[in-house]
Amino acid sequence: MGHAVRAVCAVIVAANFVLSAQAQSRPDSKQARSAEPLAIRDLHFDSSFAQSALTYLHGGDQSVLLRLSESAAAEHLINHARNFDYDVPRDSTQALVFHLLNPRESHLSQAPSCERSLAFFSGPMQDDRSWVGDTLGYLPDDFRFNGTLFLTFGYDIGVAFGPNASLNCAHGHFDGHPRELLYYAIHELHHVGFMSYHAPPKISDIKTCGDILRLVEYSTQLEGMAVYAAYERRSDEHALSDDDDYVALQDGQGMQLDEMHYWEDFHWLEAHTAQPADAAAWAVITRMSSGDRLWYRVGARMAQRIEVASGRPKLIELIKQGPAAFIETSKGVAAPAAVTDK
């Protein structure tokens, strides 16, 4: 997500000469796509939501909102909001779209950022889709995409649900740094793959501390592996410093504290599994998802340790085995010096 439960998850400067060099070395797009693996070719890209949002912001035509509410992207967003209990209108796509784009005047300042995101999404990201291989490299061989990566406006930074994922063209993280869209796409599309083997818990069904513990296990593997899937490309492209999770992963002492806090919360939930999910239990989710982002960072640390100790095939095998197996396996592997050893 990315997915932050009950919180909106809160950079990519591509200098002109870099983009120019990429354009010169990029193979013809039709030839490149004909050679793409089937799993990549079955992934569709759709920026129409972002395009229509810009049309509405610049012109104010209310009929655009109606068309947006009938879009596949809007359906994707409301399905995500309903499953993860997001604090947005969930009664209808019309109400959700109106909420995301109004008052119109207050969103006009985001239009230039969205336009830059749209240009990157429609150009470099699709001209050379080899980056999708970074996602597939951490998914089982039998996985196939069967959905769409949408470019939307105003909803989180990036989310995934079912066969689809989306990125928010207007999110501040992408403002002036459109290449971050690519790294976040790797992350969200990994969620799509993971969810094809294990559907996410429905937040409204959570009643006990045991339910929250299972959500923590699930999200640790889901988010940790997605963070880790983009690590190598970020490192190669000198982009680790552009996102707080990757900055944290390079801080050995800080990660030791994060791991200590993670396991404190984890064991507290284990000791109270039968108790109702009260405010103290939900506070664990806040620390895990949007506060210290523990399940992102500690989960990535677990994934790295498993790969170093047992190899990537074992790490991928754990996707099918599920979150409990991922957590247990992580307990049995030694800690490397730092995630930068990868």
Protein backbone atom coordinates (compact mmCIF):
# COMPACT_ATOMS: atom_id res chain seq x y z
CA MET A 1 0.00 0.00 0.00
CA GLY A 2 0.70 0.99 -0.13
CA HIS A 3 -1.90 -0.46 2.93
CA ALA A 4 -2.11 1.46 6.15
CA VAL A 5 -5.10 0.40 8.19
CA ARG A 6 -7.23 3.29 9.44
CA ALA A 7 -4.69 5.75 8.20
CA VAL A 8 -3.84 7.16 4.86
CA CYS A 9 -0.32 6.01 4.19
CA ALA A 10 1.48 8.86 4.00
CA VAL A 11 10.35 11.09 -4.92
CA ILE A 12 11.80 11.06 -7.71
CA VAL A 13 13.90 13.61 -9.28
CA ALA A 14 14.66 12.46 -12.80
CA ALA A 15 16.95 15.02 -14.35
CA ASN A 16 16.36 15.74 -18.03
CA PHE A 17 19.70 14.28 -19.07
CA VAL A 18 18.85 11.01 -17.27
CA LEU A 19 15.49 10.67 -18.97
CA SER A 20 17.10 11.60 -22.27
CA ALA A 21 19.75 8.91 -21.85
CA GLN A 22 17.08 6.35 -21.00
CA ALA A 23 15.09 7.33 -24.08
CA GLN A 24 18.15 6.89 -26.31
CA SER A 25 18.99 3.45 -24.92
CA ARG A 26 15.38 2.21 -24.66
CA PRO A 27 14.44 -0.42 -27.24
CA ASP A 28 11.53 0.14 -29.59
CA SER A 29 8.45 -0.16 -27.38
CA LYS A 30 6.59 -2.56 -29.68
CA GLN A 31 9.60 -4.87 -29.91
CA ALA A 32 10.15 -4.68 -26.16
CA ARG A 33 6.55 -5.54 -25.37
CA SER A 34 6.48 -8.45 -27.80
CA ALA A 35 9.35 -9.95 -25.79
CA GLU A 36 7.71 -9.32 -22.43
CA PRO A 37 6.78 -12.35 -20.31
CA LEU A 38 3.11 -13.27 -20.43
CA ALA A 39 2.68 -12.14 -16.83
CA ILE A 40 3.74 -8.61 -17.80
CA ARG A 41 1.64 -8.46 -20.97
CA ASP A 42 -1.49 -9.32 -18.99
CA LEU A 43 -1.04 -6.15 -16.92
CA HIS A 44 -2.95 -3.13 -18.19
CA PHE A 45 -2.28 0.55 -17.54
CA ASP A 46 -5.12 3.09 -17.24
CA SER A 47 -4.61 6.80 -16.57
CA SER A 48 -8.11 7.93 -17.55
CA PHE A 49 -9.15 8.72 -13.95
CA ALA A 50 -6.27 11.15 -13.53
CA GLN A 51 -6.93 12.68 -16.96
CA SER A 52 -10.59 13.23 -16.19
CA ALA A 53 -9.78 14.60 -12.76
CA LEU A 54 -7.58 17.23 -14.37
CA THR A 55 -10.35 18.06 -16.84
CA TYR A 56 -12.74 18.61 -13.95
CA LEU A 57 -10.30 20.69 -11.92
CA HIS A 58 -9.53 22.99 -14.84
CA GLY A 59 -13.11 23.31 -16.11
CA GLY A 60 -15.52 22.49 -13.30
CA ASP A 61 -17.85 20.41 -15.46
CA GLN A 62 -19.94 18.34 -13.02
CA SER A 63 -20.69 15.72 -15.68
CA VAL A 64 -17.05 14.68 -15.49
CA LEU A 65 -17.61 13.58 -11.88
CA LEU A 66 -20.45 11.33 -12.98
CA ARG A 67 -18.28 9.71 -15.65
CA LEU A 68 -15.51 9.23 -13.11
CA SER A 69 -17.91 7.55 -10.68
CA GLU A 70 -18.78 5.01 -13.37
CA SER A 71 -15.14 4.16 -14.08
CA ALA A 72 -13.33 0.93 -13.29
CA ALA A 73 -10.83 2.95 -11.24
CA ALA A 74 -13.58 4.32 -8.99
CA GLU A 75 -14.89 0.79 -8.46
CA HIS A 76 -11.39 -0.32 -7.51
CA LEU A 77 -11.03 2.51 -4.99
CA ILE A 78 -14.38 1.94 -3.28
CA ASN A 79 -13.72 -1.80 -3.04
CA HIS A 80 -10.45 -1.02 -1.31
CA ALA A 81 -12.07 1.55 0.99
CA ARG A 82 -14.80 -0.88 2.03
CA ASN A 83 -12.41 -3.71 2.80
CA PHE A 84 -9.92 -1.61 4.75
CA ASP A 85 -12.48 0.65 6.42
CA TYR A 86 -10.97 3.87 5.07
CA ASP A 87 -12.26 7.16 6.39
CA VAL A 88 -13.85 8.21 3.10
CA PRO A 89 -17.42 7.94 1.78
CA ARG A 90 -18.10 4.27 1.09
CA ASP A 91 -21.81 4.28 0.23
CA SER A 92 -21.30 4.91 -3.47
CA THR A 93 -18.63 5.68 -6.05
CA GLN A 94 -20.39 9.01 -6.70
CA ALA A 95 -19.91 10.09 -3.09
CA LEU A 96 -16.31 8.89 -3.07
CA VAL A 97 -15.36 10.71 -6.29
CA PHE A 98 -17.02 13.93 -5.09
CA HIS A 99 -15.07 13.68 -1.84
CA LEU A 100 -11.74 13.16 -3.62
CA LEU A 101 -12.10 16.14 -5.94
CA ASN A 102 -13.99 18.73 -3.93
CA PRO A 103 -13.91 21.51 -3.07
CA ARG A 104 -12.43 21.94 -6.54
CA GLU A 105 -10.59 25.16 -5.74
CA SER A 106 -8.59 23.54 -2.96
CA HIS A 107 -7.28 20.85 -5.33
CA LEU A 108 -6.29 23.10 -8.22
CA SER A 109 -2.83 23.58 -6.74
CA GLN A 110 -2.28 19.82 -7.07
CA ALA A 111 -2.97 19.81 -10.81
CA PRO A 112 0.63 20.54 -11.94
CA SER A 113 1.97 17.68 -9.83
CA CYS A 114 -0.69 15.35 -11.23
CA GLU A 115 0.18 16.44 -14.76
CA ARG A 116 3.84 15.55 -14.21
CA SER A 117 2.86 12.20 -12.75
CA LEU A 118 0.60 11.58 -15.73
CA ALA A 119 3.42 12.33 -18.15
CA PHE A 120 5.76 9.88 -16.42
CA PHE A 121 3.08 7.19 -16.03
CA SER A 122 2.08 7.42 -19.70
CA GLY A 123 5.65 7.75 -20.99
CA PRO A 124 8.74 6.26 -19.34
CA MET A 125 6.86 3.77 -17.15
CA GLN A 126 5.17 2.17 -20.15
CA ASP A 127 7.87 2.65 -22.78
CA ASP A 128 10.06 0.16 -20.92
CA ARG A 129 8.14 -2.16 -18.62
CA SER A 130 11.14 -4.22 -17.57
CA TRP A 131 10.68 -2.85 -14.05
CA VAL A 132 7.62 -5.09 -13.68
CA GLY A 133 10.12 -7.92 -13.54
CA ASP A 134 11.22 -6.61 -10.14
CA THR A 135 7.74 -7.43 -8.87
CA LEU A 136 7.58 -10.79 -10.62
CA GLY A 137 11.04 -11.69 -9.29
CA TYR A 138 9.55 -11.96 -5.80
CA LEU A 139 6.37 -13.83 -6.73
CA PRO A 140 5.74 -17.51 -7.52
CA ASP A 141 6.32 -18.58 -11.11
CA ASP A 142 2.66 -19.47 -11.63
CA PHE A 143 1.42 -15.96 -10.87
CA ARG A 144 -0.22 -14.04 -13.73
CA PHE A 145 -1.49 -10.50 -13.74
CA ASN A 146 -5.13 -10.20 -14.69
CA GLY A 147 -5.91 -6.60 -13.91
CA THR A 148 -4.99 -2.94 -14.19
CA LEU A 149 -2.64 -0.39 -12.69
CA PHE A 150 -4.68 2.81 -12.46
CA LEU A 151 -3.46 6.37 -12.08
CA THR A 152 -5.99 8.08 -9.81
CA PHE A 153 -6.36 11.34 -7.91
CA GLY A 154 -6.62 11.98 -4.18
CA TYR A 155 -6.78 8.48 -2.70
CA ASP A 156 -3.87 7.44 -0.46
CA ILE A 157 -0.47 7.23 -2.18
CA GLY A 158 -0.95 3.82 -3.75
CA VAL A 159 -3.21 0.87 -2.99
CA ALA A 160 -4.00 -2.62 -4.22
CA PHE A 161 -7.06 -4.79 -3.96
CA GLY A 162 -8.05 -7.87 -5.90
CA PRO A 163 -6.39 -7.96 -9.33
CA ASN A 164 -5.92 -4.17 -9.50
CA ALA A 165 -3.64 -1.51 -8.06
CA SER A 166 -3.48 2.28 -8.26
CA LEU A 167 -1.21 5.26 -7.70
CA ASN A 168 -2.34 8.75 -6.68
CA CYS A 169 -1.04 11.25 -9.25
CA ALA A 170 -1.45 14.17 -6.83
CA HIS A 171 0.26 12.74 -3.77
CA GLY A 172 2.96 15.00 -2.36
CA HIS A 173 5.53 12.21 -2.39
CA PHE A 174 5.51 12.28 -6.20
CA ASP A 175 5.58 16.07 -6.49
CA GLY A 176 8.71 16.91 -8.42
CA HIS A 177 9.87 13.30 -8.16
CA PRO A 178 7.81 11.31 -10.68
CA ARG A 179 10.18 8.33 -10.78
CA GLU A 180 8.89 7.39 -7.34
CA LEU A 181 5.75 6.28 -9.19
CA LEU A 182 7.75 3.40 -10.65
CA TYR A 183 9.06 2.23 -7.28
CA TYR A 184 5.62 2.46 -5.74
CA ALA A 185 4.18 0.55 -8.69
CA ILE A 186 6.60 -2.31 -7.96
CA HIS A 187 5.35 -2.23 -4.36
CA GLU A 188 1.62 -2.13 -5.10
CA LEU A 189 1.79 -4.70 -7.88
CA HIS A 190 3.56 -7.07 -5.52
CA HIS A 191 0.51 -6.69 -3.29
CA VAL A 192 -1.66 -7.79 -6.22
CA GLY A 193 0.42 -10.95 -6.55
CA PHE A 194 0.43 -11.68 -2.84
CA MET A 195 -3.32 -11.13 -2.52
CA SER A 196 -3.97 -13.62 -5.31
CA TYR A 197 -2.75 -16.30 -2.89
CA HIS A 198 -4.11 -14.82 0.35
CA ALA A 199 -7.06 -12.43 0.43
CA PRO A 200 -6.64 -9.57 2.92
CA PRO A 201 -8.60 -9.54 6.17
CA LYS A 202 -11.71 -7.37 6.19
CA ILE A 203 -11.20 -4.73 8.87
CA SER A 204 -14.83 -4.65 9.96
CA ASP A 205 -14.57 -8.38 10.81
CA ILE A 206 -11.84 -7.80 13.40
CA LYS A 207 -13.22 -8.38 16.90
CA THR A 208 -10.42 -9.76 19.09
CA CYS A 209 -6.74 -9.27 19.76
CA GLY A 210 -6.24 -12.58 17.99
CA ASP A 211 -7.80 -11.08 14.88
CA ILE A 212 -5.43 -8.13 15.12
CA LEU A 213 -2.49 -10.52 15.56
CA ARG A 214 -3.45 -12.26 12.32
CA LEU A 215 -3.70 -8.87 10.62
CA VAL A 216 -0.21 -8.02 11.86
CA GLU A 217 1.16 -11.32 10.55
CA TYR A 218 -0.55 -10.80 7.20
CA SER A 219 0.54 -7.20 6.79
CA THR A 220 4.11 -7.93 7.87
CA GLN A 221 4.57 -10.36 5.00
CA LEU A 222 2.46 -8.32 2.55
CA GLU A 223 4.15 -4.98 3.18
CA GLY A 224 7.59 -6.26 4.06
CA MET A 225 8.00 -8.23 0.86
CA ALA A 226 6.66 -5.34 -1.25
CA VAL A 227 9.16 -2.94 0.31
CA TYR A 228 11.93 -5.46 -0.27
CA ALA A 229 10.93 -6.11 -3.89
CA ALA A 230 11.80 -2.52 -4.82
CA TYR A 231 14.99 -2.36 -2.75
CA GLU A 232 17.50 -3.54 -5.35
CA ARG A 233 16.32 -1.16 -8.09
CA ARG A 234 16.25 1.75 -5.66
CA SER A 235 19.78 0.89 -4.58
CA ASP A 236 21.03 0.59 -8.17
CA GLU A 237 19.41 3.90 -9.09
CA HIS A 238 20.60 5.69 -5.93
CA ALA A 239 17.03 6.24 -4.72
CA LEU A 240 17.17 4.72 -1.23
CA SER A 241 17.36 8.15 0.35
CA ASP A 242 14.15 9.26 -1.38
CA ASP A 243 11.81 7.25 0.84
CA ASP A 244 11.74 7.08 4.63
CA ASP A 245 11.30 3.30 4.79
CA TYR A 246 14.53 2.72 2.88
CA VAL A 247 16.36 5.34 4.91
CA ALA A 248 15.26 3.47 8.03
CA LEU A 249 16.40 0.12 6.63
CA GLN A 250 19.96 1.44 6.33
CA ASP A 251 20.03 2.52 9.98
CA GLY A 252 21.19 -0.56 11.86
CA GLN A 253 20.65 0.81 15.36
CA GLY A 254 17.29 2.28 14.48
CA MET A 255 16.16 -1.04 13.01
CA GLN A 256 17.16 -2.86 16.19
CA LEU A 257 14.82 -0.58 18.12
CA ASP A 258 12.07 -1.06 15.54
CA GLU A 259 12.41 -4.82 15.80
CA MET A 260 12.30 -4.67 19.59
CA HIS A 261 9.10 -2.61 19.48
CA TYR A 262 7.59 -4.89 16.84
CA TRP A 263 8.10 -8.02 18.93
CA GLU A 264 6.89 -6.31 22.09
CA ASP A 265 3.60 -5.56 20.38
CA PHE A 266 3.48 -8.97 18.71
CA HIS A 267 3.94 -10.86 21.97
CA TRP A 268 1.44 -8.62 23.75
CA LEU A 269 -1.18 -9.58 21.18
CA GLU A 270 -0.22 -13.26 21.52
CA ALA A 271 -0.84 -13.04 25.27
CA HIS A 272 -4.29 -11.46 24.80
CA THR A 273 -5.67 -13.29 21.76
CA ALA A 274 -9.08 -14.01 23.30
CA GLN A 275 -9.67 -10.47 24.53
CA PRO A 276 -11.79 -8.00 22.59
CA ALA A 277 -9.89 -5.61 20.34
CA ASP A 278 -9.86 -2.49 22.49
CA ALA A 279 -8.13 0.86 22.09
CA ALA A 280 -4.79 -0.58 23.23
CA ALA A 281 -4.99 -3.30 20.60
CA TRP A 282 -5.87 -0.84 17.83
CA ALA A 283 -2.96 1.33 18.94
CA VAL A 284 -0.70 -1.54 17.88
CA ILE A 285 -2.07 -1.18 14.35
CA THR A 286 -1.33 2.53 14.37
CA ARG A 287 2.31 1.89 15.32
CA MET A 288 2.62 -0.90 12.81
CA SER A 289 1.04 0.87 9.86
CA SER A 290 1.33 4.63 10.05
CA GLY A 291 3.31 5.54 13.13
CA ASP A 292 6.65 3.78 13.18
CA ARG A 293 5.61 1.75 10.10
CA LEU A 294 6.87 -1.36 11.81
CA TRP A 295 5.29 -3.96 9.60
CA TYR A 296 6.79 -2.29 6.51
CA ARG A 297 10.32 -1.97 7.86
CA VAL A 298 10.59 -5.00 10.11
CA GLY A 299 8.79 -7.07 7.46
CA ALA A 300 11.36 -6.04 4.85
CA ARG A 301 14.14 -6.89 7.31
CA MET A 302 12.61 -10.35 7.77
CA ALA A 303 12.40 -10.89 4.02
CA GLN A 304 16.04 -9.89 3.56
CA ARG A 305 17.20 -12.23 6.32
CA ILE A 306 15.27 -15.15 4.89
CA GLU A 307 16.69 -14.57 1.40
CA VAL A 308 20.25 -14.27 2.70
CA ALA A 309 19.92 -17.38 4.87
CA SER A 310 17.85 -19.65 2.63
CA GLY A 311 17.74 -18.13 -0.86
CA ARG A 312 15.10 -16.37 -2.86
CA PRO A 313 13.20 -19.56 -3.81
CA LYS A 314 12.52 -20.19 -0.11
CA LEU A 315 11.36 -16.60 0.40
CA ILE A 316 8.98 -16.92 -2.55
CA GLU A 317 7.77 -20.32 -1.39
CA LEU A 318 6.65 -18.67 1.84
CA ILE A 319 4.17 -16.56 -0.12
CA LYS A 320 2.13 -19.66 -0.79
CA GLN A 321 2.65 -21.02 2.71
CA GLY A 322 1.33 -17.80 4.20
CA PRO A 323 2.00 -15.20 6.89
CA ALA A 324 2.35 -17.51 9.89
CA ALA A 325 5.05 -19.52 8.09
CA PHE A 326 6.80 -16.30 7.08
CA ILE A 327 6.91 -15.08 10.69
CA GLU A 328 8.09 -18.42 12.05
CA THR A 329 10.79 -18.76 9.40
CA SER A 330 12.06 -15.27 10.16
CA LYS A 331 12.55 -16.21 13.80
CA GLY A 332 14.95 -18.97 12.84
CA VAL A 333 17.37 -17.00 10.69
CA ALA A 334 20.33 -14.98 11.88
CA ALA A 335 20.40 -11.23 11.53
CA PRO A 336 22.77 -9.90 8.85
CA ALA A 337 24.83 -6.83 9.52
CA ALA A 338 22.51 -4.57 7.56
CA VAL A 339 19.95 -4.71 4.80
CA THR A 340 22.50 -2.97 2.58
CA ASP A 341 24.40 -6.28 2.45
CA LYS A 342 21.97 -7.35 -0.25
